């Protein structure tokens, strides 16, 4: 196993998974502390790099588009200091960081990891239930319902309607914008129903939004939003009502039976990776995995 330990956190790699544990240093952001340990499967990676600096360097993971609900919500980069996929590395450990990069890249090459977009989340998102108080509300999500409870700082016209409970099945999208300068941020749930086709009201007045003012706990609302996003349909997935390919129409006219063509080499390698994933997930027993693997290897 390859490992690098810093004040900012610890990263370890066992050949299949990169485990990220936030450090206890005061510079570690609240989002990272709250999120805790993350297990990033190799197949979720698009790349890894080490960026040297004058005093410290940065070890950075790049995930495949659509792999992580948190990055999906935040547009690819959480607020400053909250990115769990960046590790601050002291200059005297830069050699270890470069070795870590080489090991991960070698594994990606050997496993022939695809680095393009995915149509399903490869990381589960924050654990449930989750409750966050920030801005003008406290929000709780239990996997089925989102409850927004207003505080004394909420605009009166917004608070007058009382607490809101939204069913996950009625949520179409989640929007996140951090506060920047004099501009407030927000976490908004776009829901089905009347009035949702038009532009929503400003977050200050929107009963489906939390207004954020740039305080310390604001990034935690991104975690709550990511927990919801992880349970919504993936944006890259095919629509549920999409028609399957017309296999019969594409089939050739009846011809005399022929010897099947040998499977493509890349297809067989991909099948081996799939079998390995099923085995690691416990779907296949050791015996089933061995037999299936041998059957594929005979065709190579």
C-alpha atoms as a PDB file:
ATOM      1  CA  UNK A   1       0.000   0.000   0.000  1.00  0.00           C
ATOM      2  CA  UNK A   2       1.176   3.520  -0.845  1.00  0.00           C
ATOM      3  CA  UNK A   3       0.547   6.243   1.728  1.00  0.00           C
ATOM      4  CA  UNK A   4       1.303   9.912   2.335  1.00  0.00           C
ATOM      5  CA  UNK A   5       0.633  11.504   5.736  1.00  0.00           C
ATOM      6  CA  UNK A   6       0.455  15.273   6.165  1.00  0.00           C
ATOM      7  CA  UNK A   7      -1.076  17.762   8.612  1.00  0.00           C
ATOM      8  CA  UNK A   8      -3.704  18.429   5.947  1.00  0.00           C
ATOM      9  CA  UNK A   9      -4.700  14.772   5.807  1.00  0.00           C
ATOM     10  CA  UNK A  10      -3.706  11.238   4.866  1.00  0.00           C
ATOM     11  CA  UNK A  11      -4.063   9.605   1.460  1.00  0.00           C
ATOM     12  CA  UNK A  12      -3.515   5.876   0.954  1.00  0.00           C
ATOM     13  CA  UNK A  13      -3.797   3.676  -2.131  1.00  0.00           C
ATOM     14  CA  UNK A  14      -4.150  -0.115  -2.153  1.00  0.00           C
ATOM     15  CA  UNK A  15      -4.327  -0.598  -5.914  1.00  0.00           C
ATOM     16  CA  UNK A  16      -8.112  -0.332  -6.128  1.00  0.00           C
ATOM     17  CA  UNK A  17      -9.178   2.530  -3.871  1.00  0.00           C
ATOM     18  CA  UNK A  18      -7.716   5.854  -2.726  1.00  0.00           C
ATOM     19  CA  UNK A  19      -8.730   6.525   0.877  1.00  0.00           C
ATOM     20  CA  UNK A  20      -8.776  10.182   1.895  1.00  0.00           C
ATOM     21  CA  UNK A  21      -8.832  11.075   5.595  1.00  0.00           C
ATOM     22  CA  UNK A  22      -8.890  14.779   6.549  1.00  0.00           C
ATOM     23  CA  UNK A  23      -6.208  15.955   8.961  1.00  0.00           C
ATOM     24  CA  UNK A  24      -6.674  17.632  12.313  1.00  0.00           C
ATOM     25  CA  UNK A  25      -4.893  20.845  11.378  1.00  0.00           C
ATOM     26  CA  UNK A  26      -6.855  24.062  11.928  1.00  0.00           C
ATOM     27  CA  UNK A  27      -6.493  24.883   8.242  1.00  0.00           C
ATOM     28  CA  UNK A  28      -8.669  21.886   7.269  1.00  0.00           C
ATOM     29  CA  UNK A  29     -12.070  23.215   6.185  1.00  0.00           C
ATOM     30  CA  UNK A  30     -15.281  22.419   8.060  1.00  0.00           C
ATOM     31  CA  UNK A  31     -16.764  20.667   5.012  1.00  0.00           C
ATOM     32  CA  UNK A  32     -13.827  18.248   4.849  1.00  0.00           C
ATOM     33  CA  UNK A  33     -13.943  17.626   8.598  1.00  0.00           C
ATOM     34  CA  UNK A  34     -17.663  16.885   8.492  1.00  0.00           C
ATOM     35  CA  UNK A  35     -17.489  14.738   5.356  1.00  0.00           C
ATOM     36  CA  UNK A  36     -14.819  12.557   6.962  1.00  0.00           C
ATOM     37  CA  UNK A  37     -13.134   9.641   5.200  1.00  0.00           C
ATOM     38  CA  UNK A  38     -13.783   9.203   1.481  1.00  0.00           C
ATOM     39  CA  UNK A  39     -13.113   6.029  -0.501  1.00  0.00           C
ATOM     40  CA  UNK A  40     -12.501   6.873  -4.168  1.00  0.00           C
ATOM     41  CA  UNK A  41     -12.541   3.815  -6.450  1.00  0.00           C
ATOM     42  CA  UNK A  42      -9.888   3.769  -9.156  1.00  0.00           C
ATOM     43  CA  UNK A  43     -12.555   3.719 -11.874  1.00  0.00           C
ATOM     44  CA  UNK A  44     -13.849   7.119 -10.655  1.00  0.00           C
ATOM     45  CA  UNK A  45     -10.567   8.870 -11.532  1.00  0.00           C
ATOM     46  CA  UNK A  46      -9.875  10.988 -14.565  1.00  0.00           C
ATOM     47  CA  UNK A  47      -6.353  11.850 -13.419  1.00  0.00           C
ATOM     48  CA  UNK A  48      -3.972  12.736 -10.600  1.00  0.00           C
ATOM     49  CA  UNK A  49      -1.198  15.322 -10.374  1.00  0.00           C
ATOM     50  CA  UNK A  50       1.282  16.950  -8.012  1.00  0.00           C
ATOM     51  CA  UNK A  51       1.814  20.695  -8.269  1.00  0.00           C
ATOM     52  CA  UNK A  52       5.024  21.888  -6.613  1.00  0.00           C
ATOM     53  CA  UNK A  53       5.118  25.301  -4.913  1.00  0.00           C
ATOM     54  CA  UNK A  54       7.572  27.563  -3.111  1.00  0.00           C
ATOM     55  CA  UNK A  55       6.594  26.452   0.390  1.00  0.00           C
ATOM     56  CA  UNK A  56       4.083  23.648  -0.154  1.00  0.00           C
ATOM     57  CA  UNK A  57       2.760  21.593  -3.038  1.00  0.00           C
ATOM     58  CA  UNK A  58      -0.674  20.284  -3.941  1.00  0.00           C
ATOM     59  CA  UNK A  59      -1.552  16.654  -4.566  1.00  0.00           C
ATOM     60  CA  UNK A  60      -4.741  16.757  -6.604  1.00  0.00           C
ATOM     61  CA  UNK A  61      -7.262  14.183  -7.820  1.00  0.00           C
ATOM     62  CA  UNK A  62      -9.399  14.828 -10.880  1.00  0.00           C
ATOM     63  CA  UNK A  63     -12.602  12.793 -10.944  1.00  0.00           C
ATOM     64  CA  UNK A  64     -14.594  11.751 -13.982  1.00  0.00           C
ATOM     65  CA  UNK A  65     -17.445  14.045 -14.899  1.00  0.00           C
ATOM     66  CA  UNK A  66     -20.557  12.920 -13.034  1.00  0.00           C
ATOM     67  CA  UNK A  67     -18.735  10.572 -10.633  1.00  0.00           C
ATOM     68  CA  UNK A  68     -19.254  12.563  -7.420  1.00  0.00           C
ATOM     69  CA  UNK A  69     -22.549  14.236  -6.395  1.00  0.00           C
ATOM     70  CA  UNK A  70     -20.676  16.904  -4.408  1.00  0.00           C
ATOM     71  CA  UNK A  71     -18.660  18.004  -7.444  1.00  0.00           C
ATOM     72  CA  UNK A  72     -21.808  17.760  -9.572  1.00  0.00           C
ATOM     73  CA  UNK A  73     -23.569  20.234  -7.270  1.00  0.00           C
ATOM     74  CA  UNK A  74     -20.668  22.658  -6.891  1.00  0.00           C
ATOM     75  CA  UNK A  75     -19.766  22.763 -10.577  1.00  0.00           C
ATOM     76  CA  UNK A  76     -16.573  20.742 -10.197  1.00  0.00           C
ATOM     77  CA  UNK A  77     -14.997  22.670  -7.335  1.00  0.00           C
ATOM     78  CA  UNK A  78     -16.255  23.192  -3.771  1.00  0.00           C
ATOM     79  CA  UNK A  79     -15.720  26.513  -2.010  1.00  0.00           C
ATOM     80  CA  UNK A  80     -12.136  27.547  -1.199  1.00  0.00           C
ATOM     81  CA  UNK A  81     -10.511  25.297   1.403  1.00  0.00           C
ATOM     82  CA  UNK A  82     -13.333  22.741   1.142  1.00  0.00           C
ATOM     83  CA  UNK A  83     -12.073  20.588  -1.733  1.00  0.00           C
ATOM     84  CA  UNK A  84     -11.575  17.047  -0.367  1.00  0.00           C
ATOM     85  CA  UNK A  85      -9.586  16.051  -3.457  1.00  0.00           C
ATOM     86  CA  UNK A  86      -6.643  18.375  -2.767  1.00  0.00           C
ATOM     87  CA  UNK A  87      -3.900  17.581  -0.243  1.00  0.00           C
ATOM     88  CA  UNK A  88      -1.400  20.222   0.898  1.00  0.00           C
ATOM     89  CA  UNK A  89       2.065  18.614   0.902  1.00  0.00           C
ATOM     90  CA  UNK A  90       5.186  19.961   2.619  1.00  0.00           C
ATOM     91  CA  UNK A  91       8.119  20.439   0.245  1.00  0.00           C
ATOM     92  CA  UNK A  92      10.247  17.846   2.067  1.00  0.00           C
ATOM     93  CA  UNK A  93       7.597  15.232   1.182  1.00  0.00           C
ATOM     94  CA  UNK A  94       7.284  16.131  -2.479  1.00  0.00           C
ATOM     95  CA  UNK A  95       9.165  12.965  -3.455  1.00  0.00           C
ATOM     96  CA  UNK A  96       6.554  10.836  -1.668  1.00  0.00           C
ATOM     97  CA  UNK A  97       3.769  12.759  -3.406  1.00  0.00           C
ATOM     98  CA  UNK A  98       5.347  12.186  -6.827  1.00  0.00           C
ATOM     99  CA  UNK A  99       5.737   8.469  -6.052  1.00  0.00           C
ATOM    100  CA  UNK A 100       2.056   8.352  -5.024  1.00  0.00           C
ATOM    101  CA  UNK A 101       1.107   9.916  -8.366  1.00  0.00           C
ATOM    102  CA  UNK A 102       3.220   7.401 -10.272  1.00  0.00           C
ATOM    103  CA  UNK A 103       1.625   4.452  -8.448  1.00  0.00           C
ATOM    104  CA  UNK A 104      -1.924   5.627  -9.141  1.00  0.00           C
ATOM    105  CA  UNK A 105      -1.170   6.396 -12.794  1.00  0.00           C
ATOM    106  CA  UNK A 106       0.433   2.985 -13.244  1.00  0.00           C
ATOM    107  CA  UNK A 107      -2.640   1.285 -11.787  1.00  0.00           C
ATOM    108  CA  UNK A 108      -4.935   3.307 -14.052  1.00  0.00           C
ATOM    109  CA  UNK A 109      -2.880   2.233 -17.047  1.00  0.00           C
ATOM    110  CA  UNK A 110      -2.826  -1.442 -16.076  1.00  0.00           C
ATOM    111  CA  UNK A 111      -6.566  -1.473 -15.360  1.00  0.00           C
ATOM    112  CA  UNK A 112      -7.243   0.540 -18.531  1.00  0.00           C
ATOM    113  CA  UNK A 113      -9.451   2.934 -16.572  1.00  0.00           C
ATOM    114  CA  UNK A 114     -11.751   4.969 -18.768  1.00  0.00           C
ATOM    115  CA  UNK A 115     -11.601   8.669 -17.883  1.00  0.00           C
ATOM    116  CA  UNK A 116     -14.632  10.073 -19.695  1.00  0.00           C
ATOM    117  CA  UNK A 117     -18.022  11.081 -18.234  1.00  0.00           C
ATOM    118  CA  UNK A 118     -20.132   8.530 -16.378  1.00  0.00           C
ATOM    119  CA  UNK A 119     -23.907   8.095 -16.275  1.00  0.00           C
ATOM    120  CA  UNK A 120     -24.121   6.985 -12.624  1.00  0.00           C
ATOM    121  CA  UNK A 121     -22.533   8.277  -9.433  1.00  0.00           C
ATOM    122  CA  UNK A 122     -19.470   6.260  -8.398  1.00  0.00           C
ATOM    123  CA  UNK A 123     -19.309   7.840  -4.929  1.00  0.00           C
ATOM    124  CA  UNK A 124     -22.291   7.635  -2.546  1.00  0.00           C
ATOM    125  CA  UNK A 125     -22.276  11.206  -1.277  1.00  0.00           C
ATOM    126  CA  UNK A 126     -22.652  12.253   2.392  1.00  0.00           C
ATOM    127  CA  UNK A 127     -24.198   9.746   4.774  1.00  0.00           C
ATOM    128  CA  UNK A 128     -27.758  10.091   6.071  1.00  0.00           C
ATOM    129  CA  UNK A 129     -29.585  11.456   7.931  1.00  0.00           C
ATOM    130  CA  UNK A 130     -27.975  14.873   7.649  1.00  0.00           C
ATOM    131  CA  UNK A 131     -28.944  18.154   9.332  1.00  0.00           C
ATOM    132  CA  UNK A 132     -27.300  21.512   8.651  1.00  0.00           C
ATOM    133  CA  UNK A 133     -28.036  24.918  10.125  1.00  0.00           C
ATOM    134  CA  UNK A 134     -26.676  27.882   8.169  1.00  0.00           C
ATOM    135  CA  UNK A 135     -27.940  31.110   6.657  1.00  0.00           C
ATOM    136  CA  UNK A 136     -31.646  31.619   7.285  1.00  0.00           C
ATOM    137  CA  UNK A 137     -32.639  27.971   7.878  1.00  0.00           C
ATOM    138  CA  UNK A 138     -31.914  24.559   9.318  1.00  0.00           C
ATOM    139  CA  UNK A 139     -32.369  21.784   6.770  1.00  0.00           C
ATOM    140  CA  UNK A 140     -32.744  18.058   7.425  1.00  0.00           C
ATOM    141  CA  UNK A 141     -32.720  15.258   4.848  1.00  0.00           C
ATOM    142  CA  UNK A 142     -33.481  11.641   5.752  1.00  0.00           C
ATOM    143  CA  UNK A 143     -33.362  10.113   2.266  1.00  0.00           C
ATOM    144  CA  UNK A 144     -37.062  10.625   1.529  1.00  0.00           C
ATOM    145  CA  UNK A 145     -37.969  14.099   2.806  1.00  0.00           C
ATOM    146  CA  UNK A 146     -36.294  17.485   2.999  1.00  0.00           C
ATOM    147  CA  UNK A 147     -37.429  19.732   5.840  1.00  0.00           C
ATOM    148  CA  UNK A 148     -36.628  23.461   5.927  1.00  0.00           C
ATOM    149  CA  UNK A 149     -37.113  25.232   9.257  1.00  0.00           C
ATOM    150  CA  UNK A 150     -36.638  29.003   9.345  1.00  0.00           C
ATOM    151  CA  UNK A 151     -34.789  31.003  11.995  1.00  0.00           C
ATOM    152  CA  UNK A 152     -35.078  34.542  13.344  1.00  0.00           C
ATOM    153  CA  UNK A 153     -32.990  35.913  10.454  1.00  0.00           C
ATOM    154  CA  UNK A 154     -35.468  34.741   7.788  1.00  0.00           C
ATOM    155  CA  UNK A 155     -37.378  37.329   5.760  1.00  0.00           C
ATOM    156  CA  UNK A 156     -40.846  37.686   7.341  1.00  0.00           C
ATOM    157  CA  UNK A 157     -42.810  36.955   4.170  1.00  0.00           C
ATOM    158  CA  UNK A 158     -40.831  33.728   3.720  1.00  0.00           C
ATOM    159  CA  UNK A 159     -41.084  32.611   7.354  1.00  0.00           C
ATOM    160  CA  UNK A 160     -44.810  33.360   7.602  1.00  0.00           C
ATOM    161  CA  UNK A 161     -45.638  30.184   5.663  1.00  0.00           C
ATOM    162  CA  UNK A 162     -43.987  28.072   8.347  1.00  0.00           C
ATOM    163  CA  UNK A 163     -41.565  25.175   7.945  1.00  0.00           C
ATOM    164  CA  UNK A 164     -41.546  23.372   4.598  1.00  0.00           C
ATOM    165  CA  UNK A 165     -41.326  19.629   3.960  1.00  0.00           C
ATOM    166  CA  UNK A 166     -40.463  18.498   0.438  1.00  0.00           C
ATOM    167  CA  UNK A 167     -40.755  14.923  -0.779  1.00  0.00           C
ATOM    168  CA  UNK A 168     -37.671  13.768  -2.646  1.00  0.00           C
ATOM    169  CA  UNK A 169     -39.925  12.442  -5.414  1.00  0.00           C
ATOM    170  CA  UNK A 170     -41.056  16.005  -6.119  1.00  0.00           C
ATOM    171  CA  UNK A 171     -37.575  17.532  -6.376  1.00  0.00           C
ATOM    172  CA  UNK A 172     -36.380  18.125  -9.940  1.00  0.00           C
ATOM    173  CA  UNK A 173     -32.990  19.692  -9.269  1.00  0.00           C
ATOM    174  CA  UNK A 174     -30.753  21.219  -6.619  1.00  0.00           C
ATOM    175  CA  UNK A 175     -28.899  24.500  -7.161  1.00  0.00           C
ATOM    176  CA  UNK A 176     -25.928  25.758  -5.164  1.00  0.00           C
ATOM    177  CA  UNK A 177     -24.142  29.086  -5.246  1.00  0.00           C
ATOM    178  CA  UNK A 178     -21.661  30.141  -2.534  1.00  0.00           C
ATOM    179  CA  UNK A 179     -21.573  33.708  -1.260  1.00  0.00           C
ATOM    180  CA  UNK A 180     -18.957  35.829  -3.030  1.00  0.00           C
ATOM    181  CA  UNK A 181     -18.028  39.357  -1.998  1.00  0.00           C
ATOM    182  CA  UNK A 182     -21.227  41.319  -1.403  1.00  0.00           C
ATOM    183  CA  UNK A 183     -23.340  38.736  -3.232  1.00  0.00           C
ATOM    184  CA  UNK A 184     -25.195  36.252  -1.046  1.00  0.00           C
ATOM    185  CA  UNK A 185     -25.234  32.578  -1.921  1.00  0.00           C
ATOM    186  CA  UNK A 186     -27.992  29.996  -1.701  1.00  0.00           C
ATOM    187  CA  UNK A 187     -29.053  26.361  -1.755  1.00  0.00           C
ATOM    188  CA  UNK A 188     -32.273  25.943  -3.738  1.00  0.00           C
ATOM    189  CA  UNK A 189     -34.534  22.949  -4.365  1.00  0.00           C
ATOM    190  CA  UNK A 190     -36.407  23.154  -7.673  1.00  0.00           C
ATOM    191  CA  UNK A 191     -39.663  21.256  -7.258  1.00  0.00           C
ATOM    192  CA  UNK A 192     -42.547  20.092  -9.397  1.00  0.00           C
ATOM    193  CA  UNK A 193     -45.704  22.148  -9.246  1.00  0.00           C
ATOM    194  CA  UNK A 194     -47.273  25.443 -10.190  1.00  0.00           C
ATOM    195  CA  UNK A 195     -44.960  28.363 -10.738  1.00  0.00           C
ATOM    196  CA  UNK A 196     -41.806  26.292 -11.067  1.00  0.00           C
ATOM    197  CA  UNK A 197     -41.516  26.719 -14.823  1.00  0.00           C
ATOM    198  CA  UNK A 198     -40.925  30.458 -14.406  1.00  0.00           C
ATOM    199  CA  UNK A 199     -37.867  32.038 -12.808  1.00  0.00           C
ATOM    200  CA  UNK A 200     -38.044  31.434  -9.029  1.00  0.00           C
ATOM    201  CA  UNK A 201     -38.065  34.348  -6.574  1.00  0.00           C
ATOM    202  CA  UNK A 202     -34.826  35.557  -5.007  1.00  0.00           C
ATOM    203  CA  UNK A 203     -33.543  33.114  -2.354  1.00  0.00           C
ATOM    204  CA  UNK A 204     -34.370  35.667   0.339  1.00  0.00           C
ATOM    205  CA  UNK A 205     -38.078  35.180  -0.465  1.00  0.00           C
ATOM    206  CA  UNK A 206     -38.083  31.644  -1.906  1.00  0.00           C
ATOM    207  CA  UNK A 207     -39.615  29.077   0.512  1.00  0.00           C
ATOM    208  CA  UNK A 208     -37.676  26.341  -1.291  1.00  0.00           C
ATOM    209  CA  UNK A 209     -34.278  28.010  -0.830  1.00  0.00           C
ATOM    210  CA  UNK A 210     -31.791  28.765   1.931  1.00  0.00           C
ATOM    211  CA  UNK A 211     -30.083  32.143   1.710  1.00  0.00           C
ATOM    212  CA  UNK A 212     -26.372  32.072   2.629  1.00  0.00           C
ATOM    213  CA  UNK A 213     -24.307  35.057   3.731  1.00  0.00           C
ATOM    214  CA  UNK A 214     -20.766  33.702   3.600  1.00  0.00           C
ATOM    215  CA  UNK A 215     -20.428  32.493   7.179  1.00  0.00           C
ATOM    216  CA  UNK A 216     -18.351  29.536   8.389  1.00  0.00           C
ATOM    217  CA  UNK A 217     -21.069  26.861   8.166  1.00  0.00           C
ATOM    218  CA  UNK A 218     -22.219  27.759   4.647  1.00  0.00           C
ATOM    219  CA  UNK A 219     -20.179  24.979   2.951  1.00  0.00           C
ATOM    220  CA  UNK A 220     -22.073  22.377   4.983  1.00  0.00           C
ATOM    221  CA  UNK A 221     -25.190  23.251   3.002  1.00  0.00           C
ATOM    222  CA  UNK A 222     -23.299  21.974  -0.042  1.00  0.00           C
ATOM    223  CA  UNK A 223     -22.951  18.622   1.737  1.00  0.00           C
ATOM    224  CA  UNK A 224     -26.690  18.472   2.364  1.00  0.00           C
ATOM    225  CA  UNK A 225     -27.378  19.419  -1.243  1.00  0.00           C
ATOM    226  CA  UNK A 226     -24.982  16.701  -2.435  1.00  0.00           C
ATOM    227  CA  UNK A 227     -26.817  14.112  -0.325  1.00  0.00           C
ATOM    228  CA  UNK A 228     -30.016  15.017  -2.195  1.00  0.00           C
ATOM    229  CA  UNK A 229     -28.306  15.130  -5.604  1.00  0.00           C
ATOM    230  CA  UNK A 230     -26.926  11.610  -5.039  1.00  0.00           C
ATOM    231  CA  UNK A 231     -30.495  10.307  -4.858  1.00  0.00           C
ATOM    232  CA  UNK A 232     -31.882  12.123  -7.890  1.00  0.00           C
ATOM    233  CA  UNK A 233     -31.666  10.780 -11.459  1.00  0.00           C
ATOM    234  CA  UNK A 234     -28.156  11.199 -12.821  1.00  0.00           C
ATOM    235  CA  UNK A 235     -27.950  14.077 -15.347  1.00  0.00           C
ATOM    236  CA  UNK A 236     -26.009  11.913 -17.832  1.00  0.00           C
ATOM    237  CA  UNK A 237     -28.360   8.928 -17.593  1.00  0.00           C
ATOM    238  CA  UNK A 238     -30.723   8.096 -20.430  1.00  0.00           C
ATOM    239  CA  UNK A 239     -34.325   9.216 -19.808  1.00  0.00           C
ATOM    240  CA  UNK A 240     -36.385   6.413 -18.224  1.00  0.00           C
ATOM    241  CA  UNK A 241     -38.831   6.492 -21.133  1.00  0.00           C
ATOM    242  CA  UNK A 242     -36.138   6.321 -23.804  1.00  0.00           C
ATOM    243  CA  UNK A 243     -36.864   3.594 -26.320  1.00  0.00           C
ATOM    244  CA  UNK A 244     -34.332   0.722 -26.408  1.00  0.00           C
ATOM    245  CA  UNK A 245     -32.391   0.186 -29.618  1.00  0.00           C
ATOM    246  CA  UNK A 246     -34.396  -1.558 -32.331  1.00  0.00           C
ATOM    247  CA  UNK A 247     -32.433  -4.772 -32.315  1.00  0.00           C
ATOM    248  CA  UNK A 248     -34.806  -6.628 -34.585  1.00  0.00           C
ATOM    249  CA  UNK A 249     -34.707  -3.949 -37.256  1.00  0.00           C
ATOM    250  CA  UNK A 250     -30.922  -3.993 -37.234  1.00  0.00           C
ATOM    251  CA  UNK A 251     -30.688  -7.764 -37.458  1.00  0.00           C
ATOM    252  CA  UNK A 252     -29.522  -9.130 -40.803  1.00  0.00           C
ATOM    253  CA  UNK A 253     -31.673 -11.419 -42.914  1.00  0.00           C
ATOM    254  CA  UNK A 254     -31.538 -15.108 -42.093  1.00  0.00           C
ATOM    255  CA  UNK A 255     -28.326 -16.723 -43.269  1.00  0.00           C
ATOM    256  CA  UNK A 256     -26.824 -20.151 -42.800  1.00  0.00           C
ATOM    257  CA  UNK A 257     -25.299 -20.666 -39.370  1.00  0.00           C
ATOM    258  CA  UNK A 258     -21.694 -19.559 -39.135  1.00  0.00           C
ATOM    259  CA  UNK A 259     -18.929 -19.783 -36.585  1.00  0.00           C
ATOM    260  CA  UNK A 260     -19.252 -16.805 -34.198  1.00  0.00           C
ATOM    261  CA  UNK A 261     -16.554 -14.167 -34.515  1.00  0.00           C
ATOM    262  CA  UNK A 262     -13.956 -14.066 -31.758  1.00  0.00           C
ATOM    263  CA  UNK A 263     -14.813 -11.520 -29.048  1.00  0.00           C
ATOM    264  CA  UNK A 264     -12.996  -8.192 -29.255  1.00  0.00           C
ATOM    265  CA  UNK A 265      -9.892  -8.001 -27.022  1.00  0.00           C
ATOM    266  CA  UNK A 266     -11.053  -4.754 -25.328  1.00  0.00           C
ATOM    267  CA  UNK A 267     -14.459  -6.283 -24.630  1.00  0.00           C
ATOM    268  CA  UNK A 268     -12.841  -9.207 -22.833  1.00  0.00           C
ATOM    269  CA  UNK A 269     -10.640  -6.912 -20.735  1.00  0.00           C
ATOM    270  CA  UNK A 270     -13.667  -4.850 -19.808  1.00  0.00           C
ATOM    271  CA  UNK A 271     -15.480  -8.045 -18.811  1.00  0.00           C
ATOM    272  CA  UNK A 272     -12.575  -8.987 -16.541  1.00  0.00           C
ATOM    273  CA  UNK A 273     -12.819  -5.604 -14.802  1.00  0.00           C
ATOM    274  CA  UNK A 274     -16.570  -6.043 -14.356  1.00  0.00           C
ATOM    275  CA  UNK A 275     -16.065  -9.496 -12.840  1.00  0.00           C
ATOM    276  CA  UNK A 276     -13.504  -8.055 -10.426  1.00  0.00           C
ATOM    277  CA  UNK A 277     -15.954  -5.362  -9.341  1.00  0.00           C
ATOM    278  CA  UNK A 278     -18.715  -7.922  -8.772  1.00  0.00           C
ATOM    279  CA  UNK A 279     -16.323 -10.066  -6.747  1.00  0.00           C
ATOM    280  CA  UNK A 280     -15.201  -7.130  -4.576  1.00  0.00           C
ATOM    281  CA  UNK A 281     -18.838  -6.137  -4.036  1.00  0.00           C
ATOM    282  CA  UNK A 282     -19.657  -9.650  -2.789  1.00  0.00           C
ATOM    283  CA  UNK A 283     -21.999 -10.478  -5.677  1.00  0.00           C
ATOM    284  CA  UNK A 284     -19.724 -13.310  -6.853  1.00  0.00           C
ATOM    285  CA  UNK A 285     -18.194 -15.874  -4.492  1.00  0.00           C
ATOM    286  CA  UNK A 286     -14.497 -16.751  -4.783  1.00  0.00           C
ATOM    287  CA  UNK A 287     -15.380 -19.944  -6.674  1.00  0.00           C
ATOM    288  CA  UNK A 288     -17.799 -18.181  -9.035  1.00  0.00           C
ATOM    289  CA  UNK A 289     -15.261 -15.444  -9.731  1.00  0.00           C
ATOM    290  CA  UNK A 290     -12.481 -17.953 -10.472  1.00  0.00           C
ATOM    291  CA  UNK A 291     -14.642 -19.946 -12.891  1.00  0.00           C
ATOM    292  CA  UNK A 292     -15.912 -16.859 -14.691  1.00  0.00           C
ATOM    293  CA  UNK A 293     -12.428 -15.395 -14.927  1.00  0.00           C
ATOM    294  CA  UNK A 294     -11.019 -18.614 -16.407  1.00  0.00           C
ATOM    295  CA  UNK A 295     -13.790 -18.673 -19.009  1.00  0.00           C
ATOM    296  CA  UNK A 296     -12.900 -15.161 -20.147  1.00  0.00           C
ATOM    297  CA  UNK A 297      -9.142 -15.778 -20.135  1.00  0.00           C
ATOM    298  CA  UNK A 298      -9.604 -18.774 -22.474  1.00  0.00           C
ATOM    299  CA  UNK A 299     -10.985 -16.395 -25.095  1.00  0.00           C
ATOM    300  CA  UNK A 300      -8.016 -13.975 -24.966  1.00  0.00           C
END
